[in-house]
PDB file of N, CA and C in Angstrom:
ATOM      1  N   MET A   1      82.035 141.808 111.047  1.00  0.00           N
ATOM      2  CA  MET A   1      82.815 143.036 110.775  1.00  0.00           C
ATOM      3  C   MET A   1      82.470 143.869 109.389  1.00  0.00           C
ATOM      4  N   GLU A   2      82.003 144.880 109.368  1.00  0.00           N
ATOM      5  CA  GLU A   2      81.533 145.324 108.069  1.00  0.00           C
ATOM      6  C   GLU A   2      82.732 145.930 107.391  1.00  0.00           C
ATOM      7  N   MET A   3      82.582 145.458 105.800  1.00  0.00           N
ATOM      8  CA  MET A   3      83.710 145.527 104.691  1.00  0.00           C
ATOM      9  C   MET A   3      83.406 147.156 103.955  1.00  0.00           C
ATOM     10  N   LYS A   4      84.235 147.945 103.912  1.00  0.00           N
ATOM     11  CA  LYS A   4      83.767 149.237 103.202  1.00  0.00           C
ATOM     12  C   LYS A   4      85.332 149.341 102.118  1.00  0.00           C
ATOM     13  N   PHE A   5      84.496 149.090 100.886  1.00  0.00           N
ATOM     14  CA  PHE A   5      85.308 148.803  99.771  1.00  0.00           C
ATOM     15  C   PHE A   5      85.508 150.521  98.976  1.00  0.00           C
ATOM     16  N   LYS A   6      86.674 150.837  98.935  1.00  0.00           N
ATOM     17  CA  LYS A   6      86.856 152.275  98.161  1.00  0.00           C
ATOM     18  C   LYS A   6      87.404 152.002  96.593  1.00  0.00           C
ATOM     19  N   ASP A   7      86.681 151.959  95.695  1.00  0.00           N
ATOM     20  CA  ASP A   7      87.046 152.119  94.529  1.00  0.00           C
ATOM     21  C   ASP A   7      88.328 153.243  94.314  1.00  0.00           C
ATOM     22  N   ILE A   8      89.438 152.827  93.600  1.00  0.00           N
ATOM     23  CA  ILE A   8      90.943 153.724  93.001  1.00  0.00           C
ATOM     24  C   ILE A   8      90.408 153.986  91.748  1.00  0.00           C
ATOM     25  N   LEU A   9      90.240 153.016  91.163  1.00  0.00           N
ATOM     26  CA  LEU A   9      90.020 153.120  89.569  1.00  0.00           C
ATOM     27  C   LEU A   9      88.644 152.432  89.019  1.00  0.00           C
ATOM     28  N   VAL A  10      87.541 153.180  88.327  1.00  0.00           N
ATOM     29  CA  VAL A  10      86.833 152.633  87.716  1.00  0.00           C
ATOM     30  C   VAL A  10      87.027 152.534  86.158  1.00  0.00           C
ATOM     31  N   ARG A  11      86.646 151.359  85.428  1.00  0.00           N
ATOM     32  CA  ARG A  11      86.815 151.179  84.386  1.00  0.00           C
ATOM     33  C   ARG A  11      85.452 150.924  83.773  1.00  0.00           C
ATOM     34  N   LYS A  12      84.598 151.765  83.120  1.00  0.00           N
ATOM     35  CA  LYS A  12      83.229 151.765  82.943  1.00  0.00           C
ATOM     36  C   LYS A  12      82.970 150.643  81.677  1.00  0.00           C
ATOM     37  N   GLU A  13      84.217 151.093  80.668  1.00  0.00           N
ATOM     38  CA  GLU A  13      83.709 150.371  79.895  1.00  0.00           C
ATOM     39  C   GLU A  13      83.827 148.900  79.570  1.00  0.00           C
ATOM     40  N   GLU A  14      84.879 148.939  80.348  1.00  0.00           N
ATOM     41  CA  GLU A  14      85.534 147.200  80.369  1.00  0.00           C
ATOM     42  C   GLU A  14      84.850 146.397  82.059  1.00  0.00           C
ATOM     43  N   ARG A  15      84.000 147.622  82.527  1.00  0.00           N
ATOM     44  CA  ARG A  15      83.206 147.076  83.604  1.00  0.00           C
ATOM     45  C   ARG A  15      83.906 146.230  84.483  1.00  0.00           C
ATOM     46  N   PHE A  16      84.653 146.660  85.222  1.00  0.00           N
ATOM     47  CA  PHE A  16      85.561 146.549  86.671  1.00  0.00           C
ATOM     48  C   PHE A  16      86.127 147.787  86.897  1.00  0.00           C
ATOM     49  N   SER A  17      86.427 147.468  88.450  1.00  0.00           N
ATOM     50  CA  SER A  17      86.917 148.609  89.344  1.00  0.00           C
ATOM     51  C   SER A  17      88.232 147.879  90.066  1.00  0.00           C
ATOM     52  N   ILE A  18      88.838 148.464  90.520  1.00  0.00           N
ATOM     53  CA  ILE A  18      90.117 148.129  91.315  1.00  0.00           C
ATOM     54  C   ILE A  18      90.057 149.086  92.856  1.00  0.00           C
ATOM     55  N   GLY A  19      90.477 148.679  93.996  1.00  0.00           N
ATOM     56  CA  GLY A  19      90.392 149.955  94.954  1.00  0.00           C
ATOM     57  C   GLY A  19      91.424 149.006  96.232  1.00  0.00           C
ATOM     58  N   ILE A  20      91.062 149.259  97.025  1.00  0.00           N
ATOM     59  CA  ILE A  20      90.903 148.834  98.596  1.00  0.00           C
ATOM     60  C   ILE A  20      90.057 149.081  99.584  1.00  0.00           C
ATOM     61  N   GLU A  21      90.133 147.875 100.212  1.00  0.00           N
ATOM     62  CA  GLU A  21      89.198 147.285 101.154  1.00  0.00           C
ATOM     63  C   GLU A  21      89.922 148.297 102.660  1.00  0.00           C
ATOM     64  N   GLU A  22      89.235 149.035 103.060  1.00  0.00           N
ATOM     65  CA  GLU A  22      89.612 150.126 103.994  1.00  0.00           C
ATOM     66  C   GLU A  22      89.919 149.571 105.248  1.00  0.00           C
ATOM     67  N   GLN A  23      89.121 148.794 105.998  1.00  0.00           N
ATOM     68  CA  GLN A  23      89.347 148.004 107.292  1.00  0.00           C
ATOM     69  C   GLN A  23      90.430 147.035 107.460  1.00  0.00           C
ATOM     70  N   THR A  24      90.947 145.917 105.789  1.00  0.00           N
ATOM     71  CA  THR A  24      92.110 145.450 105.896  1.00  0.00           C
ATOM     72  C   THR A  24      93.032 145.719 105.062  1.00  0.00           C
ATOM     73  N   GLY A  25      92.965 146.607 104.509  1.00  0.00           N
ATOM     74  CA  GLY A  25      93.975 147.285 104.012  1.00  0.00           C
ATOM     75  C   GLY A  25      94.043 146.562 102.449  1.00  0.00           C
ATOM     76  N   LYS A  26      93.357 145.104 101.872  1.00  0.00           N
ATOM     77  CA  LYS A  26      93.279 144.282 100.970  1.00  0.00           C
ATOM     78  C   LYS A  26      93.240 145.026 100.111  1.00  0.00           C
ATOM     79  N   TYR A  27      93.422 144.784  98.892  1.00  0.00           N
ATOM     80  CA  TYR A  27      93.666 145.643  97.277  1.00  0.00           C
ATOM     81  C   TYR A  27      92.477 143.927  96.570  1.00  0.00           C
ATOM     82  N   TYR A  28      91.983 144.787  95.735  1.00  0.00           N
ATOM     83  CA  TYR A  28      90.636 143.904  95.441  1.00  0.00           C
ATOM     84  C   TYR A  28      90.231 144.508  93.850  1.00  0.00           C
ATOM     85  N   LEU A  29      90.167 143.482  92.969  1.00  0.00           N
ATOM     86  CA  LEU A  29      89.114 144.246  91.918  1.00  0.00           C
ATOM     87  C   LEU A  29      88.026 143.367  92.191  1.00  0.00           C
ATOM     88  N   SER A  30      86.980 144.329  91.236  1.00  0.00           N
ATOM     89  CA  SER A  30      85.364 143.605  91.500  1.00  0.00           C
ATOM     90  C   SER A  30      84.967 143.892  89.776  1.00  0.00           C
ATOM     91  N   ILE A  31      83.987 142.847  89.908  1.00  0.00           N
ATOM     92  CA  ILE A  31      83.489 142.764  88.428  1.00  0.00           C
ATOM     93  C   ILE A  31      81.772 142.967  89.028  1.00  0.00           C
ATOM     94  N   PRO A  32      80.433 143.372  87.998  1.00  0.00           N
ATOM     95  CA  PRO A  32      79.309 143.393  88.880  1.00  0.00           C
ATOM     96  C   PRO A  32      78.642 142.180  87.663  1.00  0.00           C
ATOM     97  N   VAL A  33      77.775 141.431  88.523  1.00  0.00           N
ATOM     98  CA  VAL A  33      76.823 140.479  88.613  1.00  0.00           C
ATOM     99  C   VAL A  33      75.397 140.691  88.923  1.00  0.00           C
ATOM    100  N   ALA A  34      74.794 139.798  88.371  1.00  0.00           N
ATOM    101  CA  ALA A  34      73.394 140.005  88.691  1.00  0.00           C
ATOM    102  C   ALA A  34      72.579 138.424  89.039  1.00  0.00           C
ATOM    103  N   ASN A  35      71.657 138.377  89.776  1.00  0.00           N
ATOM    104  CA  ASN A  35      70.724 137.178  90.002  1.00  0.00           C
ATOM    105  C   ASN A  35      69.778 137.550  89.678  1.00  0.00           C
ATOM    106  N   ASN A  36      68.565 136.629  89.887  1.00  0.00           N
ATOM    107  CA  ASN A  36      67.397 136.963  89.729  1.00  0.00           C
ATOM    108  C   ASN A  36      66.752 138.311  90.404  1.00  0.00           C
ATOM    109  N   PHE A  37      67.631 138.495  91.419  1.00  0.00           N
ATOM    110  CA  PHE A  37      66.968 139.252  92.380  1.00  0.00           C
ATOM    111  C   PHE A  37      67.409 140.468  92.294  1.00  0.00           C
ATOM    112  N   VAL A  38      68.859 140.401  92.625  1.00  0.00           N
ATOM    113  CA  VAL A  38      69.525 141.851  92.681  1.00  0.00           C
ATOM    114  C   VAL A  38      71.080 141.872  91.508  1.00  0.00           C
ATOM    115  N   ASP A  39      71.158 143.275  91.697  1.00  0.00           N
ATOM    116  CA  ASP A  39      72.206 143.367  90.973  1.00  0.00           C
ATOM    117  C   ASP A  39      73.956 143.648  91.869  1.00  0.00           C
ATOM    118  N   TYR A  40      74.496 143.024  91.459  1.00  0.00           N
ATOM    119  CA  TYR A  40      75.995 143.417  93.120  1.00  0.00           C
ATOM    120  C   TYR A  40      77.213 143.293  92.520  1.00  0.00           C
ATOM    121  N   GLU A  41      78.022 143.289  93.274  1.00  0.00           N
ATOM    122  CA  GLU A  41      79.501 143.224  92.524  1.00  0.00           C
ATOM    123  C   GLU A  41      79.991 141.980  93.583  1.00  0.00           C
ATOM    124  N   GLU A  42      80.599 141.279  92.711  1.00  0.00           N
ATOM    125  CA  GLU A  42      82.139 140.423  93.344  1.00  0.00           C
ATOM    126  C   GLU A  42      83.377 140.950  93.440  1.00  0.00           C
ATOM    127  N   TYR A  43      84.137 140.619  94.711  1.00  0.00           N
ATOM    128  CA  TYR A  43      85.078 140.942  94.993  1.00  0.00           C
ATOM    129  C   TYR A  43      86.330 140.087  95.034  1.00  0.00           C
ATOM    130  N   TYR A  44      87.536 140.340  94.272  1.00  0.00           N
ATOM    131  CA  TYR A  44      88.442 139.157  94.130  1.00  0.00           C
ATOM    132  C   TYR A  44      89.939 139.950  94.749  1.00  0.00           C
ATOM    133  N   GLU A  45      90.492 139.391  95.690  1.00  0.00           N
ATOM    134  CA  GLU A  45      91.431 139.846  96.208  1.00  0.00           C
ATOM    135  C   GLU A  45      92.538 139.874  95.327  1.00  0.00           C
ATOM    136  N   ILE A  46      93.287 140.556  95.620  1.00  0.00           N
ATOM    137  CA  ILE A  46      94.886 141.008  94.607  1.00  0.00           C
ATOM    138  C   ILE A  46      95.637 141.431  95.070  1.00  0.00           C
ATOM    139  N   ASN A  47      96.742 141.281  94.555  1.00  0.00           N
ATOM    140  CA  ASN A  47      98.150 141.592  95.737  1.00  0.00           C
ATOM    141  C   ASN A  47      98.473 143.005  95.233  1.00  0.00           C
ATOM    142  N   LYS A  48      99.499 144.038  95.837  1.00  0.00           N
ATOM    143  CA  LYS A  48      99.990 145.363  95.591  1.00  0.00           C
ATOM    144  C   LYS A  48     100.398 145.354  94.117  1.00  0.00           C
ATOM    145  N   ASP A  49     101.504 144.101  94.103  1.00  0.00           N
ATOM    146  CA  ASP A  49     101.612 144.249  92.259  1.00  0.00           C
ATOM    147  C   ASP A  49     100.632 144.042  91.301  1.00  0.00           C
ATOM    148  N   GLU A  50      99.837 143.454  91.295  1.00  0.00           N
ATOM    149  CA  GLU A  50      98.738 143.175  90.715  1.00  0.00           C
ATOM    150  C   GLU A  50      98.052 144.553  90.603  1.00  0.00           C
ATOM    151  N   PHE A  51      97.514 145.286  91.521  1.00  0.00           N
ATOM    152  CA  PHE A  51      96.832 146.234  91.632  1.00  0.00           C
ATOM    153  C   PHE A  51      97.572 147.571  91.200  1.00  0.00           C
ATOM    154  N   ASP A  52      99.101 147.683  90.545  1.00  0.00           N
ATOM    155  CA  ASP A  52      99.598 148.405  89.964  1.00  0.00           C
ATOM    156  C   ASP A  52      99.731 147.850  88.775  1.00  0.00           C
ATOM    157  N   ALA A  53      99.862 146.587  88.393  1.00  0.00           N
ATOM    158  CA  ALA A  53      99.883 146.434  87.124  1.00  0.00           C
ATOM    159  C   ALA A  53      98.588 146.561  86.503  1.00  0.00           C
ATOM    160  N   PHE A  54      97.606 146.391  87.046  1.00  0.00           N
ATOM    161  CA  PHE A  54      96.075 146.644  86.343  1.00  0.00           C
ATOM    162  C   PHE A  54      95.853 148.346  86.669  1.00  0.00           C
ATOM    163  N   SER A  55      96.455 148.933  87.254  1.00  0.00           N
ATOM    164  CA  SER A  55      96.033 150.541  87.301  1.00  0.00           C
ATOM    165  C   SER A  55      96.646 150.987  85.828  1.00  0.00           C
ATOM    166  N   ALA A  56      97.929 150.069  85.592  1.00  0.00           N
ATOM    167  CA  ALA A  56      98.467 150.774  84.109  1.00  0.00           C
ATOM    168  C   ALA A  56      98.547 150.206  82.870  1.00  0.00           C
ATOM    169  N   SER A  57      97.591 148.932  83.166  1.00  0.00           N
ATOM    170  CA  SER A  57      97.508 148.190  81.650  1.00  0.00           C
ATOM    171  C   SER A  57      95.769 147.903  81.753  1.00  0.00           C
ATOM    172  N   VAL A  58      95.476 148.602  81.126  1.00  0.00           N
ATOM    173  CA  VAL A  58      93.645 148.018  80.840  1.00  0.00           C
ATOM    174  C   VAL A  58      93.915 146.225  80.194  1.00  0.00           C
ATOM    175  N   LEU A  59      94.557 146.142  79.361  1.00  0.00           N
ATOM    176  CA  LEU A  59      95.254 144.785  78.633  1.00  0.00           C
ATOM    177  C   LEU A  59      95.477 143.698  79.787  1.00  0.00           C
ATOM    178  N   THR A  60      96.090 144.162  80.661  1.00  0.00           N
ATOM    179  CA  THR A  60      96.382 142.928  81.781  1.00  0.00           C
ATOM    180  C   THR A  60      95.087 142.747  82.581  1.00  0.00           C
ATOM    181  N   ALA A  61      94.569 144.214  83.341  1.00  0.00           N
ATOM    182  CA  ALA A  61      93.605 143.778  83.833  1.00  0.00           C
ATOM    183  C   ALA A  61      92.232 143.425  83.253  1.00  0.00           C
ATOM    184  N   THR A  62      92.018 143.561  82.176  1.00  0.00           N
ATOM    185  CA  THR A  62      90.785 142.740  81.317  1.00  0.00           C
ATOM    186  C   THR A  62      91.001 141.397  80.977  1.00  0.00           C
ATOM    187  N   GLU A  63      92.418 140.491  81.014  1.00  0.00           N
ATOM    188  CA  GLU A  63      92.742 139.451  80.974  1.00  0.00           C
ATOM    189  C   GLU A  63      92.176 138.663  82.430  1.00  0.00           C
ATOM    190  N   PHE A  64      92.438 139.257  83.502  1.00  0.00           N
ATOM    191  CA  PHE A  64      92.170 138.696  84.653  1.00  0.00           C
ATOM    192  C   PHE A  64      90.745 138.914  85.458  1.00  0.00           C
ATOM    193  N   VAL A  65      90.041 140.134  84.256  1.00  0.00           N
ATOM    194  CA  VAL A  65      88.608 140.211  84.553  1.00  0.00           C
ATOM    195  C   VAL A  65      88.059 139.135  83.931  1.00  0.00           C
ATOM    196  N   GLN A  66      88.282 138.723  82.984  1.00  0.00           N
ATOM    197  CA  GLN A  66      87.713 137.474  81.956  1.00  0.00           C
ATOM    198  C   GLN A  66      87.705 136.399  83.032  1.00  0.00           C
ATOM    199  N   GLN A  67      89.010 136.016  83.366  1.00  0.00           N
ATOM    200  CA  GLN A  67      89.173 134.908  84.626  1.00  0.00           C
ATOM    201  C   GLN A  67      88.209 135.107  85.635  1.00  0.00           C
ATOM    202  N   CYS A  68      87.717 135.814  86.362  1.00  0.00           N
ATOM    203  CA  CYS A  68      86.988 136.398  87.181  1.00  0.00           C
ATOM    204  C   CYS A  68      85.592 136.116  86.932  1.00  0.00           C
ATOM    205  N   ARG A  69      85.244 136.668  85.385  1.00  0.00           N
ATOM    206  CA  ARG A  69      83.727 136.199  84.907  1.00  0.00           C
ATOM    207  C   ARG A  69      83.367 134.661  84.511  1.00  0.00           C
ATOM    208  N   SER A  70      84.820 133.733  84.183  1.00  0.00           N
ATOM    209  CA  SER A  70      84.271 132.556  83.806  1.00  0.00           C
ATOM    210  C   SER A  70      84.826 131.812  85.288  1.00  0.00           C
ATOM    211  N   ARG A  71      84.991 132.582  86.269  1.00  0.00           N
ATOM    212  CA  ARG A  71      84.658 131.726  87.526  1.00  0.00           C
ATOM    213  C   ARG A  71      85.877 130.895  87.635  1.00  0.00           C
ATOM    214  N   GLU A  72      87.401 131.412  86.755  1.00  0.00           N
ATOM    215  CA  GLU A  72      88.676 130.275  86.959  1.00  0.00           C
ATOM    216  C   GLU A  72      89.119 131.082  88.468  1.00  0.00           C
ATOM    217  N   GLN A  73      88.812 132.498  88.868  1.00  0.00           N
ATOM    218  CA  GLN A  73      89.651 133.038  90.237  1.00  0.00           C
ATOM    219  C   GLN A  73      88.651 133.228  91.467  1.00  0.00           C
ATOM    220  N   ASP A  74      88.261 131.988  91.594  1.00  0.00           N
ATOM    221  CA  ASP A  74      87.127 131.628  92.685  1.00  0.00           C
ATOM    222  C   ASP A  74      87.198 131.888  94.380  1.00  0.00           C
ATOM    223  N   ASP A  75      88.838 130.938  93.955  1.00  0.00           N
ATOM    224  CA  ASP A  75      89.420 130.861  95.417  1.00  0.00           C
ATOM    225  C   ASP A  75      90.240 132.069  95.596  1.00  0.00           C
ATOM    226  N   ARG A  76      90.012 133.332  95.113  1.00  0.00           N
ATOM    227  CA  ARG A  76      90.260 135.026  95.219  1.00  0.00           C
ATOM    228  C   ARG A  76      88.937 135.826  95.751  1.00  0.00           C
ATOM    229  N   LEU A  77      87.762 135.010  95.796  1.00  0.00           N
ATOM    230  CA  LEU A  77      86.693 135.884  96.137  1.00  0.00           C
ATOM    231  C   LEU A  77      86.628 136.367  98.179  1.00  0.00           C
ATOM    232  N   ILE A  78      86.446 137.340  98.403  1.00  0.00           N
ATOM    233  CA  ILE A  78      86.769 138.041  99.442  1.00  0.00           C
ATOM    234  C   ILE A  78      85.471 137.459  99.974  1.00  0.00           C
ATOM    235  N   MET A  79      84.141 137.957  99.474  1.00  0.00           N
ATOM    236  CA  MET A  79      82.669 137.216 100.353  1.00  0.00           C
ATOM    237  C   MET A  79      82.467 136.273  99.197  1.00  0.00           C
ATOM    238  N   LYS A  80      82.357 135.214  99.817  1.00  0.00           N
ATOM    239  CA  LYS A  80      81.776 133.635  98.866  1.00  0.00           C
ATOM    240  C   LYS A  80      80.698 134.007  98.761  1.00  0.00           C
ATOM    241  N   PRO A  81      79.627 133.608  97.208  1.00  0.00           N
ATOM    242  CA  PRO A  81      78.466 133.759  97.134  1.00  0.00           C
ATOM    243  C   PRO A  81      77.640 132.790  97.633  1.00  0.00           C
ATOM    244  N   GLY A  82      76.515 133.217  97.877  1.00  0.00           N
ATOM    245  CA  GLY A  82      75.309 132.056  98.176  1.00  0.00           C
ATOM    246  C   GLY A  82      74.714 131.277  97.003  1.00  0.00           C
ATOM    247  N   LYS A  83      73.717 130.650  97.413  1.00  0.00           N
ATOM    248  CA  LYS A  83      73.263 129.371  96.123  1.00  0.00           C
ATOM    249  C   LYS A  83      72.789 130.328  95.158  1.00  0.00           C
ATOM    250  N   ASP A  84      71.830 131.530  95.107  1.00  0.00           N
ATOM    251  CA  ASP A  84      72.054 131.855  93.848  1.00  0.00           C
ATOM    252  C   ASP A  84      72.923 132.798  93.601  1.00  0.00           C
ATOM    253  N   ARG A  85      73.841 132.310  93.118  1.00  0.00           N
ATOM    254  CA  ARG A  85      74.988 133.033  92.104  1.00  0.00           C
ATOM    255  C   ARG A  85      74.620 133.882  91.032  1.00  0.00           C
ATOM    256  N   GLY A  86      75.185 135.111  91.087  1.00  0.00           N
ATOM    257  CA  GLY A  86      74.774 135.609  89.493  1.00  0.00           C
ATOM    258  C   GLY A  86      75.877 135.377  89.024  1.00  0.00           C
ATOM    259  N   VAL A  87      75.747 136.068  87.716  1.00  0.00           N
ATOM    260  CA  VAL A  87      76.326 135.820  86.371  1.00  0.00           C
ATOM    261  C   VAL A  87      77.175 137.221  85.952  1.00  0.00           C
ATOM    262  N   ALA A  88      77.925 137.262  85.535  1.00  0.00           N
ATOM    263  CA  ALA A  88      79.067 138.500  85.319  1.00  0.00           C
ATOM    264  C   ALA A  88      77.877 139.006  83.981  1.00  0.00           C
ATOM    265  N   ILE A  89      77.751 140.474  84.445  1.00  0.00           N
ATOM    266  CA  ILE A  89      77.125 141.392  83.089  1.00  0.00           C
ATOM    267  C   ILE A  89      78.142 142.435  82.717  1.00  0.00           C
TER     268      ILE A  89
END
């Protein structure tokens, strides 16, 4: 199944976005990452309460974003990374 991520809120300065995956209705927060070959996004599943909180408070969202960049939220990755996993940019 092809996933269709629709960004609802993009925070360029803080380098993250939140949105809804259209096929499943799951909420996500994404961050940009890069490896030696490509820049891409990692998508972390969040619940509706987190979506609402992150939409309302950049501070709350950036705390979670930092956890994602530090790989502390890897159990929430919607698509598991391959061998050449990128690093947050």
